[in-house]
Amino acid sequence: DDPGAVPRILLAHAIVLSFGGLPVLWM
């Protein structure tokens, strides 16, 4: 229940989505 969790999750996705290559989400 850390208040930064959701922003942190979306930040991690943003890094991967902007880095290049074929980004894959885990179910």
mmCIF file of all heavy atoms, coordinates in Angstrom:
data_MODEL
# 
_entry.id   MODEL 
# 
loop_
_atom_site.group_PDB 
_atom_site.id 
_atom_site.type_symbol 
_atom_site.label_atom_id 
_atom_site.label_alt_id 
_atom_site.label_comp_id 
_atom_site.label_asym_id 
_atom_site.label_entity_id 
_atom_site.label_seq_id 
_atom_site.pdbx_PDB_ins_code 
_atom_site.Cartn_x 
_atom_site.Cartn_y 
_atom_site.Cartn_z 
_atom_site.occupancy 
_atom_site.B_iso_or_equiv 
_atom_site.pdbx_formal_charge 
_atom_site.auth_seq_id 
_atom_site.auth_comp_id 
_atom_site.auth_asym_id 
_atom_site.auth_atom_id 
_atom_site.pdbx_PDB_model_num 
ATOM 1   N N   . ASP A 1 1  ? 0.815  -1.219  0.000   1.00 0.00 ? 1  ASP A N   1 
ATOM 2   C CA  . ASP A 1 1  ? 0.000  0.000   0.000   1.00 0.00 ? 1  ASP A CA  1 
ATOM 3   C C   . ASP A 1 1  ? 0.846  1.265   0.000   1.00 0.00 ? 1  ASP A C   1 
ATOM 4   O O   . ASP A 1 1  ? 0.466  2.292   0.579   1.00 0.00 ? 1  ASP A O   1 
ATOM 5   C CB  . ASP A 1 1  ? -0.956 0.024   1.208   1.00 0.00 ? 1  ASP A CB  1 
ATOM 6   C CG  . ASP A 1 1  ? -2.004 -1.076  1.142   1.00 0.00 ? 1  ASP A CG  1 
ATOM 7   O OD1 . ASP A 1 1  ? -2.481 -1.359  0.031   1.00 0.00 ? 1  ASP A OD1 1 
ATOM 8   O OD2 . ASP A 1 1  ? -2.336 -1.658  2.196   1.00 0.00 ? 1  ASP A OD2 1 
ATOM 9   N N   . ASP A 1 2  ? 1.997  1.197   -0.649  1.00 0.00 ? 2  ASP A N   1 
ATOM 10  C CA  . ASP A 1 2  ? 2.839  2.387   -0.747  1.00 0.00 ? 2  ASP A CA  1 
ATOM 11  C C   . ASP A 1 2  ? 2.210  3.371   -1.721  1.00 0.00 ? 2  ASP A C   1 
ATOM 12  O O   . ASP A 1 2  ? 1.815  2.992   -2.831  1.00 0.00 ? 2  ASP A O   1 
ATOM 13  C CB  . ASP A 1 2  ? 4.232  1.999   -1.241  1.00 0.00 ? 2  ASP A CB  1 
ATOM 14  C CG  . ASP A 1 2  ? 5.183  3.174   -1.243  1.00 0.00 ? 2  ASP A CG  1 
ATOM 15  O OD1 . ASP A 1 2  ? 5.766  3.462   -0.186  1.00 0.00 ? 2  ASP A OD1 1 
ATOM 16  O OD2 . ASP A 1 2  ? 5.321  3.812   -2.302  1.00 0.00 ? 2  ASP A OD2 1 
ATOM 17  N N   . PRO A 1 3  ? 2.095  4.647   -1.347  1.00 0.00 ? 3  PRO A N   1 
ATOM 18  C CA  . PRO A 1 3  ? 1.420  5.612   -2.230  1.00 0.00 ? 3  PRO A CA  1 
ATOM 19  C C   . PRO A 1 3  ? 2.133  5.844   -3.557  1.00 0.00 ? 3  PRO A C   1 
ATOM 20  O O   . PRO A 1 3  ? 1.520  6.314   -4.519  1.00 0.00 ? 3  PRO A O   1 
ATOM 21  C CB  . PRO A 1 3  ? 1.384  6.892   -1.384  1.00 0.00 ? 3  PRO A CB  1 
ATOM 22  C CG  . PRO A 1 3  ? 2.443  6.704   -0.339  1.00 0.00 ? 3  PRO A CG  1 
ATOM 23  C CD  . PRO A 1 3  ? 2.489  5.236   -0.060  1.00 0.00 ? 3  PRO A CD  1 
ATOM 24  N N   . GLY A 1 4  ? 3.414  5.516   -3.625  1.00 0.00 ? 4  GLY A N   1 
ATOM 25  C CA  . GLY A 1 4  ? 4.139  5.687   -4.884  1.00 0.00 ? 4  GLY A CA  1 
ATOM 26  C C   . GLY A 1 4  ? 4.065  4.489   -5.798  1.00 0.00 ? 4  GLY A C   1 
ATOM 27  O O   . GLY A 1 4  ? 4.650  4.510   -6.893  1.00 0.00 ? 4  GLY A O   1 
ATOM 28  N N   . ALA A 1 5  ? 3.335  3.442   -5.402  1.00 0.00 ? 5  ALA A N   1 
ATOM 29  C CA  . ALA A 1 5  ? 3.370  2.187   -6.155  1.00 0.00 ? 5  ALA A CA  1 
ATOM 30  C C   . ALA A 1 5  ? 2.850  2.340   -7.579  1.00 0.00 ? 5  ALA A C   1 
ATOM 31  O O   . ALA A 1 5  ? 3.512  1.919   -8.535  1.00 0.00 ? 5  ALA A O   1 
ATOM 32  C CB  . ALA A 1 5  ? 2.576  1.114   -5.413  1.00 0.00 ? 5  ALA A CB  1 
ATOM 33  N N   . VAL A 1 6  ? 1.662  2.905   -7.757  1.00 0.00 ? 6  VAL A N   1 
ATOM 34  C CA  . VAL A 1 6  ? 1.093  3.004   -9.102  1.00 0.00 ? 6  VAL A CA  1 
ATOM 35  C C   . VAL A 1 6  ? 1.952  3.903   -9.993  1.00 0.00 ? 6  VAL A C   1 
ATOM 36  O O   . VAL A 1 6  ? 2.279  3.516   -11.135 1.00 0.00 ? 6  VAL A O   1 
ATOM 37  C CB  . VAL A 1 6  ? -0.365 3.476   -9.054  1.00 0.00 ? 6  VAL A CB  1 
ATOM 38  C CG1 . VAL A 1 6  ? -0.886 3.769   -10.464 1.00 0.00 ? 6  VAL A CG1 1 
ATOM 39  C CG2 . VAL A 1 6  ? -1.238 2.405   -8.388  1.00 0.00 ? 6  VAL A CG2 1 
ATOM 40  N N   . PRO A 1 7  ? 2.354  5.104   -9.532  1.00 0.00 ? 7  PRO A N   1 
ATOM 41  C CA  . PRO A 1 7  ? 3.271  5.894   -10.376 1.00 0.00 ? 7  PRO A CA  1 
ATOM 42  C C   . PRO A 1 7  ? 4.555  5.151   -10.708 1.00 0.00 ? 7  PRO A C   1 
ATOM 43  O O   . PRO A 1 7  ? 5.075  5.255   -11.820 1.00 0.00 ? 7  PRO A O   1 
ATOM 44  C CB  . PRO A 1 7  ? 3.553  7.130   -9.515  1.00 0.00 ? 7  PRO A CB  1 
ATOM 45  C CG  . PRO A 1 7  ? 2.381  7.257   -8.610  1.00 0.00 ? 7  PRO A CG  1 
ATOM 46  C CD  . PRO A 1 7  ? 1.956  5.839   -8.322  1.00 0.00 ? 7  PRO A CD  1 
ATOM 47  N N   . ARG A 1 8  ? 5.053  4.372   -9.748  1.00 0.00 ? 8  ARG A N   1 
ATOM 48  C CA  . ARG A 1 8  ? 6.291  3.615   -9.970  1.00 0.00 ? 8  ARG A CA  1 
ATOM 49  C C   . ARG A 1 8  ? 6.072  2.538   -11.032 1.00 0.00 ? 8  ARG A C   1 
ATOM 50  O O   . ARG A 1 8  ? 6.939  2.313   -11.901 1.00 0.00 ? 8  ARG A O   1 
ATOM 51  C CB  . ARG A 1 8  ? 6.712  2.977   -8.640  1.00 0.00 ? 8  ARG A CB  1 
ATOM 52  C CG  . ARG A 1 8  ? 8.183  2.679   -8.498  1.00 0.00 ? 8  ARG A CG  1 
ATOM 53  C CD  . ARG A 1 8  ? 8.471  2.134   -7.095  1.00 0.00 ? 8  ARG A CD  1 
ATOM 54  N NE  . ARG A 1 8  ? 8.360  3.158   -6.082  1.00 0.00 ? 8  ARG A NE  1 
ATOM 55  C CZ  . ARG A 1 8  ? 7.552  3.106   -5.035  1.00 0.00 ? 8  ARG A CZ  1 
ATOM 56  N NH1 . ARG A 1 8  ? 6.766  2.063   -4.856  1.00 0.00 ? 8  ARG A NH1 1 
ATOM 57  N NH2 . ARG A 1 8  ? 7.518  4.084   -4.167  1.00 0.00 ? 8  ARG A NH2 1 
ATOM 58  N N   . ILE A 1 9  ? 4.944  1.860   -10.980 1.00 0.00 ? 9  ILE A N   1 
ATOM 59  C CA  . ILE A 1 9  ? 4.621  0.835   -11.977 1.00 0.00 ? 9  ILE A CA  1 
ATOM 60  C C   . ILE A 1 9  ? 4.532  1.444   -13.365 1.00 0.00 ? 9  ILE A C   1 
ATOM 61  O O   . ILE A 1 9  ? 5.097  0.926   -14.336 1.00 0.00 ? 9  ILE A O   1 
ATOM 62  C CB  . ILE A 1 9  ? 3.303  0.126   -11.598 1.00 0.00 ? 9  ILE A CB  1 
ATOM 63  C CG1 . ILE A 1 9  ? 3.507  -0.750  -10.364 1.00 0.00 ? 9  ILE A CG1 1 
ATOM 64  C CG2 . ILE A 1 9  ? 2.780  -0.717  -12.765 1.00 0.00 ? 9  ILE A CG2 1 
ATOM 65  C CD1 . ILE A 1 9  ? 2.220  -1.264  -9.751  1.00 0.00 ? 9  ILE A CD1 1 
ATOM 66  N N   . LEU A 1 10 ? 3.826  2.564   -13.483 1.00 0.00 ? 10 LEU A N   1 
ATOM 67  C CA  . LEU A 1 10 ? 3.676  3.202   -14.793 1.00 0.00 ? 10 LEU A CA  1 
ATOM 68  C C   . LEU A 1 10 ? 4.999  3.771   -15.287 1.00 0.00 ? 10 LEU A C   1 
ATOM 69  O O   . LEU A 1 10 ? 5.286  3.766   -16.489 1.00 0.00 ? 10 LEU A O   1 
ATOM 70  C CB  . LEU A 1 10 ? 2.605  4.288   -14.724 1.00 0.00 ? 10 LEU A CB  1 
ATOM 71  C CG  . LEU A 1 10 ? 1.182  3.754   -14.496 1.00 0.00 ? 10 LEU A CG  1 
ATOM 72  C CD1 . LEU A 1 10 ? 0.196  4.902   -14.307 1.00 0.00 ? 10 LEU A CD1 1 
ATOM 73  C CD2 . LEU A 1 10 ? 0.736  2.872   -15.662 1.00 0.00 ? 10 LEU A CD2 1 
ATOM 74  N N   . LEU A 1 11 ? 5.842  4.245   -14.356 1.00 0.00 ? 11 LEU A N   1 
ATOM 75  C CA  . LEU A 1 11 ? 7.166  4.731   -14.746 1.00 0.00 ? 11 LEU A CA  1 
ATOM 76  C C   . LEU A 1 11 ? 8.000  3.599   -15.325 1.00 0.00 ? 11 LEU A C   1 
ATOM 77  O O   . LEU A 1 11 ? 8.662  3.766   -16.363 1.00 0.00 ? 11 LEU A O   1 
ATOM 78  C CB  . LEU A 1 11 ? 7.877  5.341   -13.538 1.00 0.00 ? 11 LEU A CB  1 
ATOM 79  C CG  . LEU A 1 11 ? 9.320  5.775   -13.790 1.00 0.00 ? 11 LEU A CG  1 
ATOM 80  C CD1 . LEU A 1 11 ? 9.361  6.981   -14.733 1.00 0.00 ? 11 LEU A CD1 1 
ATOM 81  C CD2 . LEU A 1 11 ? 10.025 6.114   -12.474 1.00 0.00 ? 11 LEU A CD2 1 
ATOM 82  N N   . ALA A 1 12 ? 7.984  2.437   -14.670 1.00 0.00 ? 12 ALA A N   1 
ATOM 83  C CA  . ALA A 1 12 ? 8.745  1.297   -15.182 1.00 0.00 ? 12 ALA A CA  1 
ATOM 84  C C   . ALA A 1 12 ? 8.277  0.929   -16.585 1.00 0.00 ? 12 ALA A C   1 
ATOM 85  O O   . ALA A 1 12 ? 9.098  0.659   -17.473 1.00 0.00 ? 12 ALA A O   1 
ATOM 86  C CB  . ALA A 1 12 ? 8.598  0.109   -14.229 1.00 0.00 ? 12 ALA A CB  1 
ATOM 87  N N   . HIS A 1 13 ? 6.967  0.903   -16.799 1.00 0.00 ? 13 HIS A N   1 
ATOM 88  C CA  . HIS A 1 13 ? 6.447  0.619   -18.140 1.00 0.00 ? 13 HIS A CA  1 
ATOM 89  C C   . HIS A 1 13 ? 6.878  1.696   -19.127 1.00 0.00 ? 13 HIS A C   1 
ATOM 90  O O   . HIS A 1 13 ? 7.220  1.392   -20.278 1.00 0.00 ? 13 HIS A O   1 
ATOM 91  C CB  . HIS A 1 13 ? 4.923  0.526   -18.110 1.00 0.00 ? 13 HIS A CB  1 
ATOM 92  C CG  . HIS A 1 13 ? 4.397  -0.748  -17.525 1.00 0.00 ? 13 HIS A CG  1 
ATOM 93  N ND1 . HIS A 1 13 ? 4.783  -1.998  -17.961 1.00 0.00 ? 13 HIS A ND1 1 
ATOM 94  C CD2 . HIS A 1 13 ? 3.498  -0.970  -16.528 1.00 0.00 ? 13 HIS A CD2 1 
ATOM 95  C CE1 . HIS A 1 13 ? 4.155  -2.932  -17.270 1.00 0.00 ? 13 HIS A CE1 1 
ATOM 96  N NE2 . HIS A 1 13 ? 3.374  -2.339  -16.391 1.00 0.00 ? 13 HIS A NE2 1 
ATOM 97  N N   . ALA A 1 14 ? 6.863  2.956   -18.701 1.00 0.00 ? 14 ALA A N   1 
ATOM 98  C CA  . ALA A 1 14 ? 7.247  4.050   -19.599 1.00 0.00 ? 14 ALA A CA  1 
ATOM 99  C C   . ALA A 1 14 ? 8.705  3.914   -20.032 1.00 0.00 ? 14 ALA A C   1 
ATOM 100 O O   . ALA A 1 14 ? 9.047  4.177   -21.194 1.00 0.00 ? 14 ALA A O   1 
ATOM 101 C CB  . ALA A 1 14 ? 7.014  5.400   -18.920 1.00 0.00 ? 14 ALA A CB  1 
ATOM 102 N N   . ILE A 1 15 ? 9.575  3.502   -19.112 1.00 0.00 ? 15 ILE A N   1 
ATOM 103 C CA  . ILE A 1 15 ? 10.987 3.318   -19.461 1.00 0.00 ? 15 ILE A CA  1 
ATOM 104 C C   . ILE A 1 15 ? 11.131 2.239   -20.525 1.00 0.00 ? 15 ILE A C   1 
ATOM 105 O O   . ILE A 1 15 ? 11.822 2.418   -21.536 1.00 0.00 ? 15 ILE A O   1 
ATOM 106 C CB  . ILE A 1 15 ? 11.806 2.957   -18.203 1.00 0.00 ? 15 ILE A CB  1 
ATOM 107 C CG1 . ILE A 1 15 ? 11.868 4.148   -17.242 1.00 0.00 ? 15 ILE A CG1 1 
ATOM 108 C CG2 . ILE A 1 15 ? 13.220 2.517   -18.601 1.00 0.00 ? 15 ILE A CG2 1 
ATOM 109 C CD1 . ILE A 1 15 ? 12.479 3.820   -15.889 1.00 0.00 ? 15 ILE A CD1 1 
ATOM 110 N N   . VAL A 1 16 ? 10.462 1.115   -20.311 1.00 0.00 ? 16 VAL A N   1 
ATOM 111 C CA  . VAL A 1 16 ? 10.580 0.004   -21.256 1.00 0.00 ? 16 VAL A CA  1 
ATOM 112 C C   . VAL A 1 16 ? 9.937  0.345   -22.595 1.00 0.00 ? 16 VAL A C   1 
ATOM 113 O O   . VAL A 1 16 ? 10.484 0.037   -23.667 1.00 0.00 ? 16 VAL A O   1 
ATOM 114 C CB  . VAL A 1 16 ? 9.965  -1.263  -20.637 1.00 0.00 ? 16 VAL A CB  1 
ATOM 115 C CG1 . VAL A 1 16 ? 9.793  -2.355  -21.676 1.00 0.00 ? 16 VAL A CG1 1 
ATOM 116 C CG2 . VAL A 1 16 ? 10.831 -1.764  -19.489 1.00 0.00 ? 16 VAL A CG2 1 
ATOM 117 N N   . LEU A 1 17 ? 8.780  1.000   -22.572 1.00 0.00 ? 17 LEU A N   1 
ATOM 118 C CA  . LEU A 1 17 ? 8.086  1.331   -23.820 1.00 0.00 ? 17 LEU A CA  1 
ATOM 119 C C   . LEU A 1 17 ? 8.847  2.365   -24.646 1.00 0.00 ? 17 LEU A C   1 
ATOM 120 O O   . LEU A 1 17 ? 8.691  2.418   -25.866 1.00 0.00 ? 17 LEU A O   1 
ATOM 121 C CB  . LEU A 1 17 ? 6.682  1.846   -23.518 1.00 0.00 ? 17 LEU A CB  1 
ATOM 122 C CG  . LEU A 1 17 ? 5.679  0.786   -23.051 1.00 0.00 ? 17 LEU A CG  1 
ATOM 123 C CD1 . LEU A 1 17 ? 4.442  1.439   -22.459 1.00 0.00 ? 17 LEU A CD1 1 
ATOM 124 C CD2 . LEU A 1 17 ? 5.286  -0.138  -24.193 1.00 0.00 ? 17 LEU A CD2 1 
ATOM 125 N N   . SER A 1 18 ? 9.676  3.174   -24.006 1.00 0.00 ? 18 SER A N   1 
ATOM 126 C CA  . SER A 1 18 ? 10.412 4.209   -24.747 1.00 0.00 ? 18 SER A CA  1 
ATOM 127 C C   . SER A 1 18 ? 11.812 3.776   -25.121 1.00 0.00 ? 18 SER A C   1 
ATOM 128 O O   . SER A 1 18 ? 12.501 4.489   -25.851 1.00 0.00 ? 18 SER A O   1 
ATOM 129 C CB  . SER A 1 18 ? 10.496 5.490   -23.905 1.00 0.00 ? 18 SER A CB  1 
ATOM 130 O OG  . SER A 1 18 ? 11.243 5.278   -22.713 1.00 0.00 ? 18 SER A OG  1 
ATOM 131 N N   . PHE A 1 19 ? 12.245 2.607   -24.644 1.00 0.00 ? 19 PHE A N   1 
ATOM 132 C CA  . PHE A 1 19 ? 13.643 2.227   -24.802 1.00 0.00 ? 19 PHE A CA  1 
ATOM 133 C C   . PHE A 1 19 ? 13.964 1.678   -26.184 1.00 0.00 ? 19 PHE A C   1 
ATOM 134 O O   . PHE A 1 19 ? 15.099 1.743   -26.641 1.00 0.00 ? 19 PHE A O   1 
ATOM 135 C CB  . PHE A 1 19 ? 14.025 1.189   -23.747 1.00 0.00 ? 19 PHE A CB  1 
ATOM 136 C CG  . PHE A 1 19 ? 15.510 0.979   -23.637 1.00 0.00 ? 19 PHE A CG  1 
ATOM 137 C CD1 . PHE A 1 19 ? 16.280 1.821   -22.853 1.00 0.00 ? 19 PHE A CD1 1 
ATOM 138 C CD2 . PHE A 1 19 ? 16.146 -0.039  -24.329 1.00 0.00 ? 19 PHE A CD2 1 
ATOM 139 C CE1 . PHE A 1 19 ? 17.652 1.651   -22.757 1.00 0.00 ? 19 PHE A CE1 1 
ATOM 140 C CE2 . PHE A 1 19 ? 17.518 -0.228  -24.241 1.00 0.00 ? 19 PHE A CE2 1 
ATOM 141 C CZ  . PHE A 1 19 ? 18.274 0.622   -23.448 1.00 0.00 ? 19 PHE A CZ  1 
ATOM 142 N N   . GLY A 1 20 ? 12.990 1.115   -26.849 1.00 0.00 ? 20 GLY A N   1 
ATOM 143 C CA  . GLY A 1 20 ? 13.252 0.481   -28.142 1.00 0.00 ? 20 GLY A CA  1 
ATOM 144 C C   . GLY A 1 20 ? 12.978 -1.003  -28.074 1.00 0.00 ? 20 GLY A C   1 
ATOM 145 O O   . GLY A 1 20 ? 12.788 -1.584  -27.001 1.00 0.00 ? 20 GLY A O   1 
ATOM 146 N N   . GLY A 1 21 ? 12.943 -1.637  -29.242 1.00 0.00 ? 21 GLY A N   1 
ATOM 147 C CA  . GLY A 1 21 ? 12.684 -3.069  -29.282 1.00 0.00 ? 21 GLY A CA  1 
ATOM 148 C C   . GLY A 1 21 ? 11.205 -3.375  -29.229 1.00 0.00 ? 21 GLY A C   1 
ATOM 149 O O   . GLY A 1 21 ? 10.343 -2.521  -29.479 1.00 0.00 ? 21 GLY A O   1 
ATOM 150 N N   . LEU A 1 22 ? 10.915 -4.626  -28.904 1.00 0.00 ? 22 LEU A N   1 
ATOM 151 C CA  . LEU A 1 22 ? 9.541  -5.110  -28.827 1.00 0.00 ? 22 LEU A CA  1 
ATOM 152 C C   . LEU A 1 22 ? 9.212  -5.307  -27.345 1.00 0.00 ? 22 LEU A C   1 
ATOM 153 O O   . LEU A 1 22 ? 9.644  -6.285  -26.738 1.00 0.00 ? 22 LEU A O   1 
ATOM 154 C CB  . LEU A 1 22 ? 9.411  -6.430  -29.579 1.00 0.00 ? 22 LEU A CB  1 
ATOM 155 C CG  . LEU A 1 22 ? 8.015  -6.948  -29.931 1.00 0.00 ? 22 LEU A CG  1 
ATOM 156 C CD1 . LEU A 1 22 ? 8.109  -8.059  -30.965 1.00 0.00 ? 22 LEU A CD1 1 
ATOM 157 C CD2 . LEU A 1 22 ? 7.252  -7.461  -28.710 1.00 0.00 ? 22 LEU A CD2 1 
ATOM 158 N N   . PRO A 1 23 ? 8.466  -4.380  -26.726 1.00 0.00 ? 23 PRO A N   1 
ATOM 159 C CA  . PRO A 1 23 ? 8.144  -4.522  -25.300 1.00 0.00 ? 23 PRO A CA  1 
ATOM 160 C C   . PRO A 1 23 ? 7.061  -5.567  -25.083 1.00 0.00 ? 23 PRO A C   1 
ATOM 161 O O   . PRO A 1 23 ? 6.092  -5.644  -25.829 1.00 0.00 ? 23 PRO A O   1 
ATOM 162 C CB  . PRO A 1 23 ? 7.658  -3.124  -24.906 1.00 0.00 ? 23 PRO A CB  1 
ATOM 163 C CG  . PRO A 1 23 ? 7.174  -2.518  -26.173 1.00 0.00 ? 23 PRO A CG  1 
ATOM 164 C CD  . PRO A 1 23 ? 7.970  -3.123  -27.291 1.00 0.00 ? 23 PRO A CD  1 
ATOM 165 N N   . VAL A 1 24 ? 7.240  -6.381  -24.038 1.00 0.00 ? 24 VAL A N   1 
ATOM 166 C CA  . VAL A 1 24 ? 6.299  -7.452  -23.730 1.00 0.00 ? 24 VAL A CA  1 
ATOM 167 C C   . VAL A 1 24 ? 5.793  -7.289  -22.296 1.00 0.00 ? 24 VAL A C   1 
ATOM 168 O O   . VAL A 1 24 ? 6.590  -7.132  -21.365 1.00 0.00 ? 24 VAL A O   1 
ATOM 169 C CB  . VAL A 1 24 ? 6.961  -8.841  -23.909 1.00 0.00 ? 24 VAL A CB  1 
ATOM 170 C CG1 . VAL A 1 24 ? 6.011  -9.957  -23.491 1.00 0.00 ? 24 VAL A CG1 1 
ATOM 171 C CG2 . VAL A 1 24 ? 7.387  -9.043  -25.365 1.00 0.00 ? 24 VAL A CG2 1 
ATOM 172 N N   . LEU A 1 25 ? 4.471  -7.365  -22.138 1.00 0.00 ? 25 LEU A N   1 
ATOM 173 C CA  . LEU A 1 25 ? 3.838  -7.309  -20.819 1.00 0.00 ? 25 LEU A CA  1 
ATOM 174 C C   . LEU A 1 25 ? 3.663  -8.722  -20.290 1.00 0.00 ? 25 LEU A C   1 
ATOM 175 O O   . LEU A 1 25 ? 3.297  -9.633  -21.041 1.00 0.00 ? 25 LEU A O   1 
ATOM 176 C CB  . LEU A 1 25 ? 2.457  -6.654  -20.907 1.00 0.00 ? 25 LEU A CB  1 
ATOM 177 C CG  . LEU A 1 25 ? 2.349  -5.272  -21.541 1.00 0.00 ? 25 LEU A CG  1 
ATOM 178 C CD1 . LEU A 1 25 ? 0.884  -4.871  -21.654 1.00 0.00 ? 25 LEU A CD1 1 
ATOM 179 C CD2 . LEU A 1 25 ? 3.115  -4.256  -20.724 1.00 0.00 ? 25 LEU A CD2 1 
ATOM 180 N N   . TRP A 1 26 ? 3.890  -8.900  -18.981 1.00 0.00 ? 26 TRP A N   1 
ATOM 181 C CA  . TRP A 1 26 ? 3.607  -10.180 -18.357 1.00 0.00 ? 26 TRP A CA  1 
ATOM 182 C C   . TRP A 1 26 ? 2.177  -10.163 -17.841 1.00 0.00 ? 26 TRP A C   1 
ATOM 183 O O   . TRP A 1 26 ? 1.735  -9.180  -17.247 1.00 0.00 ? 26 TRP A O   1 
ATOM 184 C CB  . TRP A 1 26 ? 4.594  -10.454 -17.219 1.00 0.00 ? 26 TRP A CB  1 
ATOM 185 C CG  . TRP A 1 26 ? 4.297  -11.732 -16.491 1.00 0.00 ? 26 TRP A CG  1 
ATOM 186 C CD1 . TRP A 1 26 ? 3.925  -11.872 -15.190 1.00 0.00 ? 26 TRP A CD1 1 
ATOM 187 C CD2 . TRP A 1 26 ? 4.311  -13.064 -17.044 1.00 0.00 ? 26 TRP A CD2 1 
ATOM 188 N NE1 . TRP A 1 26 ? 3.722  -13.203 -14.880 1.00 0.00 ? 26 TRP A NE1 1 
ATOM 189 C CE2 . TRP A 1 26 ? 3.955  -13.959 -16.001 1.00 0.00 ? 26 TRP A CE2 1 
ATOM 190 C CE3 . TRP A 1 26 ? 4.597  -13.592 -18.305 1.00 0.00 ? 26 TRP A CE3 1 
ATOM 191 C CZ2 . TRP A 1 26 ? 3.869  -15.337 -16.187 1.00 0.00 ? 26 TRP A CZ2 1 
ATOM 192 C CZ3 . TRP A 1 26 ? 4.510  -14.959 -18.486 1.00 0.00 ? 26 TRP A CZ3 1 
ATOM 193 C CH2 . TRP A 1 26 ? 4.160  -15.814 -17.443 1.00 0.00 ? 26 TRP A CH2 1 
ATOM 194 N N   . MET A 1 27 ? 1.447  -11.238 -18.100 1.00 0.00 ? 27 MET A N   1 
ATOM 195 C CA  . MET A 1 27 ? 0.030  -11.330 -17.762 1.00 0.00 ? 27 MET A CA  1 
ATOM 196 C C   . MET A 1 27 ? -0.257 -10.868 -16.331 1.00 0.00 ? 27 MET A C   1 
ATOM 197 O O   . MET A 1 27 ? 0.376  -11.318 -15.381 1.00 0.00 ? 27 MET A O   1 
ATOM 198 C CB  . MET A 1 27 ? -0.455 -12.762 -17.915 1.00 0.00 ? 27 MET A CB  1 
ATOM 199 C CG  . MET A 1 27 ? -1.960 -12.940 -17.756 1.00 0.00 ? 27 MET A CG  1 
ATOM 200 S SD  . MET A 1 27 ? -2.393 -14.624 -17.241 1.00 0.00 ? 27 MET A SD  1 
ATOM 201 C CE  . MET A 1 27 ? -2.061 -14.520 -15.476 1.00 0.00 ? 27 MET A CE  1 
# 
